[in-house]
Structure formats: structure tokens, C-alpha cells
Amino acid sequence: MLIEREIDRAWVEATIRNPDWVEPDPKRPGVLRAFRKIPERGGRSLRVAYVQTNNATRVLTIFLRSEEHTSELQSPYVISYA
């Protein structure tokens, strides 16, 4: 999945260890979603959904968000794309 999406493993690890922000997954209890801007990808945000168990971290999904979604997450205002 990382190769196909051209996502560097180091970006995933940095997103989990030092996220820009974290939120609980609204549909999956116990799952966290970490976000981090990736300068090498034009400042787009990488979203990593994961669970922490004992001493292990299990990554469930990895998604590089589009610029539109990244702007929406940073804006204090509602953005309409209609």
C-alpha cells in the first residue's frame, strides 16, 4: 500500500509519534486518527488510523488527504466546495 500510494514509511511513523493533531475515529471505538502535514507532498496531510495495544501500534489505514480537505481541517470557518 505504501509503495502504490507513494507514501514514505518514515512519514507514517512521524505522523504517529509527532502528529500535528489527533482525533478519535467517530465510527470505530478505540481507533485514533493522527494527522501530519507532509512538506514533500505539497503540505498535504497524511491521516493514519491506528490502535495502540500494550507495546504495539497497529496501523489500520493510511490516507493522504487532498489539499481541499487539508485546508478545511485548518480553517475556523465552514468551507463549501459546491
C-alpha atoms as a PDB file:
ATOM      1  CA  MET A   1       0.000   0.000   0.000  1.00  0.00           C
ATOM      2  CA  LEU A   2       2.811   2.445   0.823  1.00  0.00           C
ATOM      3  CA  ILE A   3       4.575   1.910  -2.492  1.00  0.00           C
ATOM      4  CA  GLU A   4       1.378   2.180  -4.547  1.00  0.00           C
ATOM      5  CA  ARG A   5       0.415   5.454  -2.883  1.00  0.00           C
ATOM      6  CA  GLU A   6       3.992   6.768  -2.824  1.00  0.00           C
ATOM      7  CA  ILE A   7       3.889   7.214   0.955  1.00  0.00           C
ATOM      8  CA  ASP A   8       7.174   7.023   2.808  1.00  0.00           C
ATOM      9  CA  ARG A   9       7.160   4.733   5.861  1.00  0.00           C
ATOM     10  CA  ALA A  10       9.014   7.472   7.796  1.00  0.00           C
ATOM     11  CA  TRP A  11       6.034   9.800   7.223  1.00  0.00           C
ATOM     12  CA  VAL A  12       3.697   7.235   8.783  1.00  0.00           C
ATOM     13  CA  GLU A  13       5.957   6.780  11.803  1.00  0.00           C
ATOM     14  CA  ALA A  14       6.361  10.552  12.247  1.00  0.00           C
ATOM     15  CA  THR A  15       2.598  11.036  11.986  1.00  0.00           C
ATOM     16  CA  ILE A  16       2.000   8.570  14.817  1.00  0.00           C
ATOM     17  CA  ARG A  17       4.893   9.753  17.015  1.00  0.00           C
ATOM     18  CA  ASN A  18       4.604  13.523  16.432  1.00  0.00           C
ATOM     19  CA  PRO A  19       1.220  14.328  14.895  1.00  0.00           C
ATOM     20  CA  ASP A  20       0.015  17.835  14.142  1.00  0.00           C
ATOM     21  CA  TRP A  21      -3.274  16.740  15.689  1.00  0.00           C
ATOM     22  CA  VAL A  22      -5.096  13.575  16.776  1.00  0.00           C
ATOM     23  CA  GLU A  23      -8.793  12.767  16.984  1.00  0.00           C
ATOM     24  CA  PRO A  24     -10.766   9.655  17.875  1.00  0.00           C
ATOM     25  CA  ASP A  25     -12.308   7.828  14.943  1.00  0.00           C
ATOM     26  CA  PRO A  26     -16.031   8.652  15.135  1.00  0.00           C
ATOM     27  CA  LYS A  27     -17.106   5.215  13.889  1.00  0.00           C
ATOM     28  CA  ARG A  28     -14.543   2.867  15.449  1.00  0.00           C
ATOM     29  CA  PRO A  29     -14.137   2.942  19.240  1.00  0.00           C
ATOM     30  CA  GLY A  30     -10.517   2.733  20.351  1.00  0.00           C
ATOM     31  CA  VAL A  31      -9.151   3.864  16.987  1.00  0.00           C
ATOM     32  CA  LEU A  32      -7.205   7.115  16.782  1.00  0.00           C
ATOM     33  CA  ARG A  33      -6.645   9.184  13.666  1.00  0.00           C
ATOM     34  CA  ALA A  34      -3.369  11.111  13.568  1.00  0.00           C
ATOM     35  CA  PHE A  35      -2.708  13.878  11.048  1.00  0.00           C
ATOM     36  CA  ARG A  36       0.545  15.448   9.922  1.00  0.00           C
ATOM     37  CA  LYS A  37       1.423  17.834   7.085  1.00  0.00           C
ATOM     38  CA  ILE A  38       3.885  16.353   4.608  1.00  0.00           C
ATOM     39  CA  PRO A  39       6.026  19.118   3.044  1.00  0.00           C
ATOM     40  CA  GLU A  40       7.342  16.717   0.389  1.00  0.00           C
ATOM     41  CA  ARG A  41       3.768  16.291  -0.842  1.00  0.00           C
ATOM     42  CA  GLY A  42       2.919  19.980  -1.090  1.00  0.00           C
ATOM     43  CA  GLY A  43       1.803  20.329   2.527  1.00  0.00           C
ATOM     44  CA  ARG A  44      -0.990  17.786   2.160  1.00  0.00           C
ATOM     45  CA  SER A  45      -1.950  15.995   5.360  1.00  0.00           C
ATOM     46  CA  LEU A  46      -1.325  12.328   5.977  1.00  0.00           C
ATOM     47  CA  ARG A  47      -4.052  10.649   8.019  1.00  0.00           C
ATOM     48  CA  VAL A  48      -3.080   7.463   9.831  1.00  0.00           C
ATOM     49  CA  ALA A  49      -5.776   5.480  11.648  1.00  0.00           C
ATOM     50  CA  TYR A  50      -4.300   3.185  14.273  1.00  0.00           C
ATOM     51  CA  VAL A  51      -4.836   1.363  17.553  1.00  0.00           C
ATOM     52  CA  GLN A  52      -2.376   1.186  20.408  1.00  0.00           C
ATOM     53  CA  THR A  53      -2.197  -2.178  22.195  1.00  0.00           C
ATOM     54  CA  ASN A  54       0.225  -2.828  25.050  1.00  0.00           C
ATOM     55  CA  ASN A  55       3.581  -2.056  23.426  1.00  0.00           C
ATOM     56  CA  ALA A  56       2.475  -2.291  19.795  1.00  0.00           C
ATOM     57  CA  THR A  57       0.881   0.095  17.337  1.00  0.00           C
ATOM     58  CA  ARG A  58      -1.315  -1.406  14.647  1.00  0.00           C
ATOM     59  CA  VAL A  59      -1.899   0.794  11.596  1.00  0.00           C
ATOM     60  CA  LEU A  60      -5.331   0.263  10.085  1.00  0.00           C
ATOM     61  CA  THR A  61      -5.485   2.806   7.262  1.00  0.00           C
ATOM     62  CA  ILE A  62      -3.211   5.382   5.670  1.00  0.00           C
ATOM     63  CA  PHE A  63      -4.616   8.177   3.560  1.00  0.00           C
ATOM     64  CA  LEU A  64      -3.001  11.248   2.007  1.00  0.00           C
ATOM     65  CA  ARG A  65      -5.656  13.930   2.174  1.00  0.00           C
ATOM     66  CA  SER A  66      -6.242  16.287  -0.723  1.00  0.00           C
ATOM     67  CA  GLU A  67      -5.356  19.955  -0.411  1.00  0.00           C
ATOM     68  CA  GLU A  68      -9.073  20.828  -0.170  1.00  0.00           C
ATOM     69  CA  HIS A  69      -9.558  18.610   2.887  1.00  0.00           C
ATOM     70  CA  THR A  70      -6.322  19.827   4.467  1.00  0.00           C
ATOM     71  CA  SER A  71      -7.494  23.450   4.192  1.00  0.00           C
ATOM     72  CA  GLU A  72     -10.865  22.543   5.649  1.00  0.00           C
ATOM     73  CA  LEU A  73      -9.295  20.961   8.720  1.00  0.00           C
ATOM     74  CA  GLN A  74      -7.196  24.065   9.404  1.00  0.00           C
ATOM     75  CA  SER A  75      -9.916  26.642   8.817  1.00  0.00           C
ATOM     76  CA  PRO A  76     -12.069  28.005  11.647  1.00  0.00           C
ATOM     77  CA  TYR A  77     -14.795  28.623   9.043  1.00  0.00           C
ATOM     78  CA  VAL A  78     -17.039  26.306   7.082  1.00  0.00           C
ATOM     79  CA  ILE A  79     -15.756  25.867   3.548  1.00  0.00           C
ATOM     80  CA  SER A  80     -18.168  24.973   0.781  1.00  0.00           C
ATOM     81  CA  TYR A  81     -16.982  23.283  -2.404  1.00  0.00           C
ATOM     82  CA  ALA A  82     -20.365  23.474  -4.124  1.00  0.00           C
END
